């Protein structure tokens, strides 16, 4: 298994409880793909350093997990298609 971090930025007009529900859904999707979620860090609403899609702020969440190499593909695709997600990135910390 490999260690991964998933940084996700959600749209600013969402309520905090909606964002937390989205993060829980992501955790469940990762677990369904065989990943083991180790930690979830909710950073809250933060201002961007630069404008993204005409937005100036967003909700940040960081999920740390262990998974096999192909386990993140389905979650990556779902996050790419989601209207609530501004940006997301999978990171392999070394």
C-alpha atoms as a PDB file:
ATOM      1  CA  UNK A   1       0.000   0.000   0.000  1.00  0.00           C
ATOM      2  CA  UNK A   2       1.077   3.544  -0.722  1.00  0.00           C
ATOM      3  CA  UNK A   3       0.510   6.657   1.371  1.00  0.00           C
ATOM      4  CA  UNK A   4      -1.558   9.418  -0.239  1.00  0.00           C
ATOM      5  CA  UNK A   5      -2.910  12.837   0.661  1.00  0.00           C
ATOM      6  CA  UNK A   6      -5.955  14.312  -1.045  1.00  0.00           C
ATOM      7  CA  UNK A   7      -6.331  18.095  -0.908  1.00  0.00           C
ATOM      8  CA  UNK A   8      -9.781  19.262  -1.957  1.00  0.00           C
ATOM      9  CA  UNK A   9     -11.141  22.794  -2.349  1.00  0.00           C
ATOM     10  CA  UNK A  10     -14.924  23.170  -2.324  1.00  0.00           C
ATOM     11  CA  UNK A  11     -17.049  26.094  -3.539  1.00  0.00           C
ATOM     12  CA  UNK A  12     -17.369  28.978  -1.032  1.00  0.00           C
ATOM     13  CA  UNK A  13     -21.169  29.283  -1.222  1.00  0.00           C
ATOM     14  CA  UNK A  14     -21.604  25.836   0.343  1.00  0.00           C
ATOM     15  CA  UNK A  15     -22.497  25.603   4.034  1.00  0.00           C
ATOM     16  CA  UNK A  16     -19.945  24.041   6.374  1.00  0.00           C
ATOM     17  CA  UNK A  17     -22.109  21.006   7.113  1.00  0.00           C
ATOM     18  CA  UNK A  18     -22.544  20.372   3.360  1.00  0.00           C
ATOM     19  CA  UNK A  19     -18.774  20.431   2.905  1.00  0.00           C
ATOM     20  CA  UNK A  20     -18.265  18.042   5.804  1.00  0.00           C
ATOM     21  CA  UNK A  21     -20.865  15.692   4.260  1.00  0.00           C
ATOM     22  CA  UNK A  22     -18.979  15.824   0.938  1.00  0.00           C
ATOM     23  CA  UNK A  23     -15.722  14.945   2.734  1.00  0.00           C
ATOM     24  CA  UNK A  24     -17.462  12.009   4.438  1.00  0.00           C
ATOM     25  CA  UNK A  25     -18.697  10.847   1.022  1.00  0.00           C
ATOM     26  CA  UNK A  26     -15.126  11.012  -0.313  1.00  0.00           C
ATOM     27  CA  UNK A  27     -13.878   8.964   2.656  1.00  0.00           C
ATOM     28  CA  UNK A  28     -16.571   6.337   2.000  1.00  0.00           C
ATOM     29  CA  UNK A  29     -15.677   6.177  -1.699  1.00  0.00           C
ATOM     30  CA  UNK A  30     -12.008   5.691  -0.830  1.00  0.00           C
ATOM     31  CA  UNK A  31     -12.886   2.935   1.656  1.00  0.00           C
ATOM     32  CA  UNK A  32     -15.068   1.239  -0.976  1.00  0.00           C
ATOM     33  CA  UNK A  33     -12.045   1.218  -3.276  1.00  0.00           C
ATOM     34  CA  UNK A  34      -9.938  -0.574  -0.670  1.00  0.00           C
ATOM     35  CA  UNK A  35      -8.221   2.450   0.899  1.00  0.00           C
ATOM     36  CA  UNK A  36      -7.639   2.910   4.616  1.00  0.00           C
ATOM     37  CA  UNK A  37      -8.384   6.487   5.708  1.00  0.00           C
ATOM     38  CA  UNK A  38      -5.924   7.522   8.411  1.00  0.00           C
ATOM     39  CA  UNK A  39      -6.835  11.144   9.096  1.00  0.00           C
ATOM     40  CA  UNK A  40      -9.106  13.935   7.877  1.00  0.00           C
ATOM     41  CA  UNK A  41      -8.120  17.542   8.478  1.00  0.00           C
ATOM     42  CA  UNK A  42     -10.805  20.162   7.811  1.00  0.00           C
ATOM     43  CA  UNK A  43      -9.129  23.551   7.309  1.00  0.00           C
ATOM     44  CA  UNK A  44     -12.299  25.614   6.891  1.00  0.00           C
ATOM     45  CA  UNK A  45     -12.841  28.538   4.551  1.00  0.00           C
ATOM     46  CA  UNK A  46      -9.650  30.202   3.304  1.00  0.00           C
ATOM     47  CA  UNK A  47      -8.853  32.991   0.882  1.00  0.00           C
ATOM     48  CA  UNK A  48      -7.016  32.009  -2.316  1.00  0.00           C
ATOM     49  CA  UNK A  49      -3.621  33.456  -3.183  1.00  0.00           C
ATOM     50  CA  UNK A  50      -4.976  34.024  -6.702  1.00  0.00           C
ATOM     51  CA  UNK A  51      -8.379  33.897  -8.342  1.00  0.00           C
ATOM     52  CA  UNK A  52      -9.628  30.465  -9.475  1.00  0.00           C
ATOM     53  CA  UNK A  53     -12.656  30.364 -11.808  1.00  0.00           C
ATOM     54  CA  UNK A  54     -13.660  33.882 -10.655  1.00  0.00           C
ATOM     55  CA  UNK A  55     -13.653  32.754  -7.001  1.00  0.00           C
ATOM     56  CA  UNK A  56     -11.577  34.309  -4.227  1.00  0.00           C
ATOM     57  CA  UNK A  57     -12.077  31.772  -1.416  1.00  0.00           C
ATOM     58  CA  UNK A  58     -13.069  28.164  -0.794  1.00  0.00           C
ATOM     59  CA  UNK A  59     -13.430  25.388   1.785  1.00  0.00           C
ATOM     60  CA  UNK A  60     -10.286  23.271   2.221  1.00  0.00           C
ATOM     61  CA  UNK A  61     -10.103  19.642   3.372  1.00  0.00           C
ATOM     62  CA  UNK A  62      -7.142  17.262   3.548  1.00  0.00           C
ATOM     63  CA  UNK A  63      -7.624  13.478   3.673  1.00  0.00           C
ATOM     64  CA  UNK A  64      -4.644  11.228   4.455  1.00  0.00           C
ATOM     65  CA  UNK A  65      -5.000   7.576   3.474  1.00  0.00           C
ATOM     66  CA  UNK A  66      -3.226   4.394   2.369  1.00  0.00           C
ATOM     67  CA  UNK A  67      -4.280   2.693  -0.860  1.00  0.00           C
ATOM     68  CA  UNK A  68      -3.140   0.552  -3.748  1.00  0.00           C
ATOM     69  CA  UNK A  69      -1.954   2.281  -6.915  1.00  0.00           C
ATOM     70  CA  UNK A  70      -5.219   2.097  -8.888  1.00  0.00           C
ATOM     71  CA  UNK A  71      -7.612   2.746  -6.024  1.00  0.00           C
ATOM     72  CA  UNK A  72      -7.677   6.526  -6.488  1.00  0.00           C
ATOM     73  CA  UNK A  73      -8.800   6.494 -10.144  1.00  0.00           C
ATOM     74  CA  UNK A  74     -12.550   6.317  -9.483  1.00  0.00           C
ATOM     75  CA  UNK A  75     -12.428   9.008  -6.790  1.00  0.00           C
ATOM     76  CA  UNK A  76     -10.293  11.219  -9.055  1.00  0.00           C
ATOM     77  CA  UNK A  77     -12.862  10.936 -11.830  1.00  0.00           C
ATOM     78  CA  UNK A  78     -15.793  11.651  -9.494  1.00  0.00           C
ATOM     79  CA  UNK A  79     -14.090  14.739  -8.063  1.00  0.00           C
ATOM     80  CA  UNK A  80     -13.278  15.999 -11.561  1.00  0.00           C
ATOM     81  CA  UNK A  81     -16.951  15.788 -12.509  1.00  0.00           C
ATOM     82  CA  UNK A  82     -18.331  17.284  -9.271  1.00  0.00           C
ATOM     83  CA  UNK A  83     -19.735  20.809  -9.466  1.00  0.00           C
ATOM     84  CA  UNK A  84     -18.982  21.395  -5.761  1.00  0.00           C
ATOM     85  CA  UNK A  85     -15.226  20.838  -6.134  1.00  0.00           C
ATOM     86  CA  UNK A  86     -13.141  23.785  -7.345  1.00  0.00           C
ATOM     87  CA  UNK A  87      -9.805  21.897  -7.320  1.00  0.00           C
ATOM     88  CA  UNK A  88      -8.417  18.617  -6.010  1.00  0.00           C
ATOM     89  CA  UNK A  89      -4.994  17.019  -5.989  1.00  0.00           C
ATOM     90  CA  UNK A  90      -3.633  13.644  -4.941  1.00  0.00           C
ATOM     91  CA  UNK A  91      -0.158  13.803  -3.404  1.00  0.00           C
ATOM     92  CA  UNK A  92       2.224  10.962  -2.549  1.00  0.00           C
ATOM     93  CA  UNK A  93       4.317  12.214   0.376  1.00  0.00           C
ATOM     94  CA  UNK A  94       7.775  10.672   0.535  1.00  0.00           C
END
